[in-house]
């Protein structure tokens, strides 16, 4: 499929500001994005080994919480009330809940983790717990634990492992890298996730809560063939977006050295490809626009929003650069105020 890329990242009086050591910048230009008032990021939250970074996208103001070894796996509560992330510090490993009001209060500041820790809540204590994602109704929490997808109550209680165990048993346990990156369907009945094994391309699997079934959606071959990973569910529930690329190495994480790939849009019932866009540009898929007509993604440490005015099968995408210095662990709070 041939796709024409129309970029509107540096038009008009838009200015890019590199903001201190945090390195976050913003372009507040909205022209070229359909329904920009409904689809423009209001806040961007990033987690990495340095801590939690907060960006107010409209103004470019930033804040930072340092002294926390966070994984790049933050996600936002459906109601926008909190950011969920995992930490690997020895004294508090596991999944944490950070109220967004606490994060927003750091704008213009550089706070230590010890200053805000009492306002946060530790939900799990597993050293391998990562990739938290809250269900659309806010009642359940999905995450990865010891290489399997787990589901718990939103407060971290009643954890149960739901994806299939290591298929190789103890002898081949080092070959199996695990199930990662769970994403809820909009109706909260299904979870799509990535399964990774050394020597094979990553695959997408689907878990159904009602039946407990795990179904394989994609069937790529050995390492070096295109792998599909990092799925996220569209607002309608009829489409999954994911990244497809070649994975050169799989050492400790699926595609530990990810090459740039392209987006694929798939039917969640059978994994059939609906459309793709474009070759060699996407590093991390952050999520869908609320209207379901585009996606946000990271490429080259910059956050972009791509809108498809003619549908995913069309030949034009309108792309706006939102911020620079953004790593893979980004979560977006969308502006729905109609401003």
Protein backbone atom coordinates (compact mmCIF):
# COMPACT_ATOMS: atom_id res chain seq x y z
CA UNK A 1 0.00 0.00 0.00
CA UNK A 2 1.33 3.42 -0.96
CA UNK A 3 0.85 6.17 1.59
CA UNK A 4 1.63 9.85 1.16
CA UNK A 5 2.86 11.64 4.28
CA UNK A 6 1.83 15.27 4.81
CA UNK A 7 3.76 16.92 7.66
CA UNK A 8 2.57 20.08 9.39
CA UNK A 9 5.04 20.13 12.25
CA UNK A 10 6.73 23.45 11.72
CA UNK A 11 4.24 25.77 10.07
CA UNK A 12 3.08 29.27 11.04
CA UNK A 13 4.65 30.76 14.14
CA UNK A 14 5.19 27.45 15.90
CA UNK A 15 8.33 27.36 18.00
CA UNK A 16 10.24 24.40 19.37
CA UNK A 17 11.66 24.93 22.85
CA UNK A 18 14.21 22.58 24.39
CA UNK A 19 13.52 22.91 28.05
CA UNK A 20 16.50 22.40 30.35
CA UNK A 21 17.94 19.06 31.28
CA UNK A 22 14.52 17.45 30.87
CA UNK A 23 14.84 17.96 27.14
CA UNK A 24 11.11 18.19 26.50
CA UNK A 25 9.91 20.62 23.89
CA UNK A 26 6.58 21.51 22.34
CA UNK A 27 5.12 22.77 19.13
CA UNK A 28 1.71 24.18 19.94
CA UNK A 29 0.68 24.61 16.30
CA UNK A 30 -2.69 22.96 15.70
CA UNK A 31 -3.32 23.70 12.03
CA UNK A 32 -3.57 20.68 9.79
CA UNK A 33 -5.17 18.41 12.39
CA UNK A 34 -8.84 17.69 11.90
CA UNK A 35 -10.96 18.47 14.97
CA UNK A 36 -7.83 19.64 16.76
CA UNK A 37 -9.75 20.89 19.81
CA UNK A 38 -11.00 17.39 20.51
CA UNK A 39 -7.88 15.50 19.60
CA UNK A 40 -4.92 17.56 20.79
CA UNK A 41 -2.85 16.23 23.71
CA UNK A 42 -3.36 18.31 26.84
CA UNK A 43 -0.76 16.58 29.03
CA UNK A 44 1.99 14.08 28.27
CA UNK A 45 3.45 11.85 31.00
CA UNK A 46 6.72 9.99 30.45
CA UNK A 47 8.54 7.52 32.69
CA UNK A 48 12.12 6.32 32.41
CA UNK A 49 15.11 5.45 34.59
CA UNK A 50 15.39 9.10 35.66
CA UNK A 51 11.83 9.36 36.92
CA UNK A 52 8.50 10.83 35.82
CA UNK A 53 8.32 13.75 33.38
CA UNK A 54 5.23 15.88 32.82
CA UNK A 55 4.57 18.14 29.84
CA UNK A 56 1.70 20.59 29.44
CA UNK A 57 1.41 20.34 25.66
CA UNK A 58 -0.39 23.64 25.08
CA UNK A 59 2.23 25.82 26.76
CA UNK A 60 5.34 23.66 26.77
CA UNK A 61 5.72 23.92 30.55
CA UNK A 62 7.32 20.88 32.14
CA UNK A 63 7.79 19.23 35.50
CA UNK A 64 9.89 16.37 36.76
CA UNK A 65 9.93 13.84 39.59
CA UNK A 66 13.46 12.48 39.99
CA UNK A 67 15.12 9.75 42.04
CA UNK A 68 12.83 7.00 40.79
CA UNK A 69 13.97 4.15 38.55
CA UNK A 70 10.78 3.79 36.56
CA UNK A 71 10.21 1.52 33.60
CA UNK A 72 9.18 3.15 30.30
CA UNK A 73 5.66 1.77 30.56
CA UNK A 74 3.32 4.46 31.88
CA UNK A 75 -0.40 4.43 31.16
CA UNK A 76 -3.29 6.68 32.07
CA UNK A 77 -6.44 5.83 34.01
CA UNK A 78 -9.55 5.98 31.79
CA UNK A 79 -10.86 8.97 33.74
CA UNK A 80 -7.51 10.76 33.62
CA UNK A 81 -7.16 10.73 37.39
CA UNK A 82 -3.86 8.87 37.64
CA UNK A 83 -0.77 7.64 35.85
CA UNK A 84 0.27 4.03 36.38
CA UNK A 85 3.87 2.91 36.05
CA UNK A 86 6.29 0.30 37.34
CA UNK A 87 9.47 0.78 39.34
CA UNK A 88 12.48 -1.48 39.74
CA UNK A 89 14.05 0.16 42.80
CA UNK A 90 14.95 -2.42 45.43
CA UNK A 91 13.03 -0.68 48.20
CA UNK A 92 9.77 -0.34 46.29
CA UNK A 93 9.52 -2.53 43.18
CA UNK A 94 6.17 -3.08 41.53
CA UNK A 95 3.36 -1.01 40.08
CA UNK A 96 2.51 2.46 41.36
CA UNK A 97 -0.38 4.88 41.00
CA UNK A 98 0.50 8.58 40.70
CA UNK A 99 -2.48 11.00 40.83
CA UNK A 100 -2.30 13.35 37.86
CA UNK A 101 -2.99 16.32 40.13
CA UNK A 102 0.31 15.52 41.85
CA UNK A 103 2.10 15.33 38.53
CA UNK A 104 0.61 18.58 37.25
CA UNK A 105 1.63 20.33 40.45
CA UNK A 106 5.27 19.70 39.56
CA UNK A 107 5.10 21.87 36.41
CA UNK A 108 7.92 24.39 36.57
CA UNK A 109 9.60 22.36 39.30
CA UNK A 110 11.97 19.47 39.84
CA UNK A 111 10.75 17.41 42.76
CA UNK A 112 12.33 14.42 44.44
CA UNK A 113 10.48 11.14 44.62
CA UNK A 114 10.66 11.33 48.42
CA UNK A 115 8.57 14.55 48.27
CA UNK A 116 5.63 12.99 46.42
CA UNK A 117 5.87 9.32 47.37
CA UNK A 118 3.39 9.66 50.23
CA UNK A 119 0.79 10.97 47.77
CA UNK A 120 1.18 7.91 45.55
CA UNK A 121 0.05 4.34 46.10
CA UNK A 122 1.98 1.15 45.57
CA UNK A 123 -0.38 -1.43 44.04
CA UNK A 124 1.87 -4.47 43.62
CA UNK A 125 5.26 -5.54 44.98
CA UNK A 126 6.46 -7.99 42.34
CA UNK A 127 9.96 -7.22 41.08
CA UNK A 128 8.97 -8.33 37.58
CA UNK A 129 5.65 -6.43 37.47
CA UNK A 130 5.48 -4.04 34.53
CA UNK A 131 3.28 -2.67 31.71
CA UNK A 132 0.25 -1.70 33.84
CA UNK A 133 -3.02 -0.94 32.05
CA UNK A 134 -6.36 -0.18 33.74
CA UNK A 135 -9.59 -1.54 32.27
CA UNK A 136 -12.02 0.94 30.65
CA UNK A 137 -14.40 0.77 33.62
CA UNK A 138 -11.53 1.36 36.06
CA UNK A 139 -12.19 -1.85 38.01
CA UNK A 140 -9.35 -4.11 36.85
CA UNK A 141 -5.61 -3.81 36.30
CA UNK A 142 -3.73 -5.84 33.68
CA UNK A 143 0.05 -6.11 33.75
CA UNK A 144 2.94 -8.46 33.06
CA UNK A 145 4.30 -10.61 35.90
CA UNK A 146 7.03 -13.23 35.58
CA UNK A 147 6.52 -13.41 31.84
CA UNK A 148 2.73 -13.81 31.91
CA UNK A 149 -0.21 -11.45 31.70
CA UNK A 150 -1.86 -10.92 35.07
CA UNK A 151 -5.22 -9.40 35.97
CA UNK A 152 -6.00 -7.94 39.38
CA UNK A 153 -8.42 -5.58 41.02
CA UNK A 154 -7.57 -1.94 40.34
CA UNK A 155 -6.03 -1.66 43.81
CA UNK A 156 -3.63 -4.54 43.07
CA UNK A 157 -5.42 -7.24 45.06
CA UNK A 158 -6.57 -10.67 43.83
CA UNK A 159 -3.87 -11.18 41.23
CA UNK A 160 -4.32 -14.07 38.80
CA UNK A 161 -2.14 -15.09 35.88
CA UNK A 162 -4.25 -15.42 32.74
CA UNK A 163 -1.96 -15.97 29.74
CA UNK A 164 -0.47 -19.35 28.88
CA UNK A 165 2.63 -20.47 30.80
CA UNK A 166 6.10 -20.82 29.34
CA UNK A 167 5.66 -23.40 26.55
CA UNK A 168 9.17 -24.77 26.98
CA UNK A 169 9.05 -25.71 30.64
CA UNK A 170 12.05 -25.34 32.92
CA UNK A 171 14.51 -26.61 30.31
CA UNK A 172 13.61 -23.87 27.86
CA UNK A 173 12.69 -21.15 30.31
CA UNK A 174 15.50 -18.86 29.09
CA UNK A 175 14.14 -19.05 25.56
CA UNK A 176 10.75 -17.67 26.56
CA UNK A 177 10.88 -13.89 27.13
CA UNK A 178 7.26 -13.58 28.13
CA UNK A 179 3.96 -11.85 27.53
CA UNK A 180 4.07 -8.06 27.66
CA UNK A 181 2.17 -4.88 26.89
CA UNK A 182 -1.47 -5.80 27.63
CA UNK A 183 -4.13 -3.55 26.07
CA UNK A 184 -7.82 -3.67 26.97
CA UNK A 185 -10.65 -3.73 24.46
CA UNK A 186 -13.03 -0.76 24.89
CA UNK A 187 -15.72 -3.02 26.35
CA UNK A 188 -13.27 -4.53 28.85
CA UNK A 189 -13.90 -8.13 27.75
CA UNK A 190 -10.60 -8.85 25.96
CA UNK A 191 -6.89 -8.14 26.33
CA UNK A 192 -4.45 -8.14 23.42
CA UNK A 193 -0.75 -8.56 24.22
CA UNK A 194 2.68 -9.40 22.79
CA UNK A 195 4.28 -12.83 23.25
CA UNK A 196 8.05 -12.95 22.70
CA UNK A 197 10.47 -15.85 22.38
CA UNK A 198 14.17 -15.85 21.58
CA UNK A 199 14.70 -16.97 18.00
CA UNK A 200 11.20 -16.08 16.82
CA UNK A 201 9.48 -12.88 15.80
CA UNK A 202 7.04 -11.47 18.40
CA UNK A 203 3.38 -12.40 18.01
CA UNK A 204 0.06 -10.92 19.11
CA UNK A 205 -2.24 -12.95 21.33
CA UNK A 206 -5.74 -12.29 22.63
CA UNK A 207 -7.19 -13.21 26.04
CA UNK A 208 -10.97 -13.40 26.61
CA UNK A 209 -12.02 -12.74 30.19
CA UNK A 210 -15.37 -14.52 29.92
CA UNK A 211 -13.96 -17.85 28.77
CA UNK A 212 -10.32 -17.68 29.83
CA UNK A 213 -9.22 -18.52 26.28
CA UNK A 214 -5.91 -17.32 24.81
CA UNK A 215 -5.95 -17.06 21.00
CA UNK A 216 -2.99 -16.36 18.73
CA UNK A 217 -3.75 -13.49 16.32
CA UNK A 218 -0.55 -13.24 14.26
CA UNK A 219 1.73 -16.03 13.05
CA UNK A 220 5.05 -14.63 11.97
CA UNK A 221 8.03 -16.94 11.57
CA UNK A 222 11.59 -17.07 12.82
CA UNK A 223 13.78 -14.14 13.79
CA UNK A 224 14.39 -11.85 10.84
CA UNK A 225 10.85 -12.13 9.53
CA UNK A 226 8.48 -9.23 10.30
CA UNK A 227 7.22 -9.34 13.88
CA UNK A 228 4.12 -7.64 15.28
CA UNK A 229 4.09 -6.11 18.76
CA UNK A 230 2.94 -3.21 20.96
CA UNK A 231 -0.79 -3.46 20.20
CA UNK A 232 -3.36 -0.86 21.20
CA UNK A 233 -7.11 -1.03 20.75
CA UNK A 234 -9.11 1.52 18.75
CA UNK A 235 -12.04 3.30 20.47
CA UNK A 236 -14.65 1.48 18.37
CA UNK A 237 -13.35 -1.94 19.36
CA UNK A 238 -13.26 -3.04 15.72
CA UNK A 239 -9.58 -2.32 15.04
CA UNK A 240 -6.21 -2.97 16.69
CA UNK A 241 -3.14 -0.92 15.78
CA UNK A 242 0.32 -2.42 16.26
CA UNK A 243 3.91 -2.08 15.06
CA UNK A 244 5.35 -4.46 12.50
CA UNK A 245 9.09 -4.58 11.85
CA UNK A 246 12.15 -6.82 11.79
CA UNK A 247 13.65 -7.53 15.19
CA UNK A 248 17.43 -7.95 14.98
CA UNK A 249 17.93 -9.15 18.56
CA UNK A 250 15.80 -10.54 21.36
CA UNK A 251 17.97 -10.68 24.46
CA UNK A 252 16.14 -9.56 27.59
CA UNK A 253 13.07 -7.83 26.13
CA UNK A 254 11.04 -8.49 23.01
CA UNK A 255 12.90 -6.69 20.23
CA UNK A 256 15.35 -5.22 22.72
CA UNK A 257 16.92 -3.20 19.91
CA UNK A 258 13.82 -2.22 18.00
CA UNK A 259 14.28 -1.01 14.48
CA UNK A 260 11.83 1.53 13.15
CA UNK A 261 8.73 -0.17 11.82
CA UNK A 262 5.38 0.68 10.36
CA UNK A 263 1.87 0.66 11.72
CA UNK A 264 -0.57 -2.08 10.88
CA UNK A 265 -4.30 -1.96 11.53
CA UNK A 266 -5.88 -5.33 12.19
CA UNK A 267 -9.18 -7.07 12.77
CA UNK A 268 -9.18 -8.22 16.43
CA UNK A 269 -11.38 -11.21 15.68
CA UNK A 270 -8.83 -12.98 13.48
CA UNK A 271 -5.71 -10.79 13.14
CA UNK A 272 -6.38 -10.04 9.48
CA UNK A 273 -4.63 -6.90 8.24
CA UNK A 274 -6.93 -3.99 7.35
CA UNK A 275 -4.32 -1.42 6.35
CA UNK A 276 -0.72 -0.37 6.97
CA UNK A 277 1.10 2.97 7.26
CA UNK A 278 3.96 3.91 6.38
CA UNK A 279 7.27 2.02 6.10
CA UNK A 280 10.05 2.70 8.59
CA UNK A 281 8.91 5.54 10.83
CA UNK A 282 7.38 4.36 14.12
CA UNK A 283 9.36 3.35 17.23
CA UNK A 284 6.64 3.34 19.89
CA UNK A 285 2.88 3.33 19.48
CA UNK A 286 1.40 5.47 22.27
CA UNK A 287 -2.31 5.16 21.53
CA UNK A 288 -5.34 6.23 19.54
CA UNK A 289 -6.93 9.64 19.20
CA UNK A 290 -10.24 9.76 21.08
CA UNK A 291 -12.18 10.09 17.82
CA UNK A 292 -10.56 6.92 16.46
CA UNK A 293 -9.32 8.61 13.29
CA UNK A 294 -5.61 8.60 14.10
CA UNK A 295 -2.83 7.58 16.47
CA UNK A 296 -0.03 9.06 18.55
CA UNK A 297 3.45 7.59 18.21
CA UNK A 298 7.09 8.22 19.12
CA UNK A 299 9.83 8.44 16.51
CA UNK A 300 13.32 9.83 17.04
CA UNK A 301 12.53 10.88 20.65
CA UNK A 302 9.66 13.05 19.40
CA UNK A 303 5.93 12.59 19.93
CA UNK A 304 3.72 12.81 16.84
CA UNK A 305 -0.02 12.72 16.17
CA UNK A 306 -1.14 11.27 12.83
CA UNK A 307 -4.68 11.87 11.56
CA UNK A 308 -6.12 9.87 8.67
CA UNK A 309 -8.80 12.11 7.11
CA UNK A 310 -9.61 9.55 4.40
CA UNK A 311 -9.58 6.50 6.63
CA UNK A 312 -6.74 4.08 7.31
CA UNK A 313 -6.93 2.84 3.73
CA UNK A 314 -6.53 6.35 2.34
CA UNK A 315 -3.41 7.79 0.77
CA UNK A 316 -2.90 10.79 3.07
CA UNK A 317 -1.98 11.20 6.71
CA UNK A 318 -1.67 14.58 8.43
CA UNK A 319 1.12 14.50 10.99
CA UNK A 320 1.90 17.04 13.71
CA UNK A 321 4.94 16.95 15.99
CA UNK A 322 3.82 17.56 19.56
CA UNK A 323 6.96 17.35 21.68
CA UNK A 324 10.63 16.41 21.62
CA UNK A 325 12.69 14.49 24.16
CA UNK A 326 9.90 11.92 24.60
CA UNK A 327 10.92 8.33 25.24
CA UNK A 328 8.95 5.16 24.76
CA UNK A 329 7.14 5.27 28.10
CA UNK A 330 4.61 7.96 27.24
CA UNK A 331 0.96 8.34 28.21
CA UNK A 332 -1.35 11.07 26.90
CA UNK A 333 -4.21 12.94 28.55
CA UNK A 334 -6.33 14.29 25.70
CA UNK A 335 -7.93 17.73 25.59
CA UNK A 336 -11.71 17.31 25.46
CA UNK A 337 -12.66 20.74 26.78
CA UNK A 338 -13.51 22.15 23.36
CA UNK A 339 -11.02 24.97 23.71
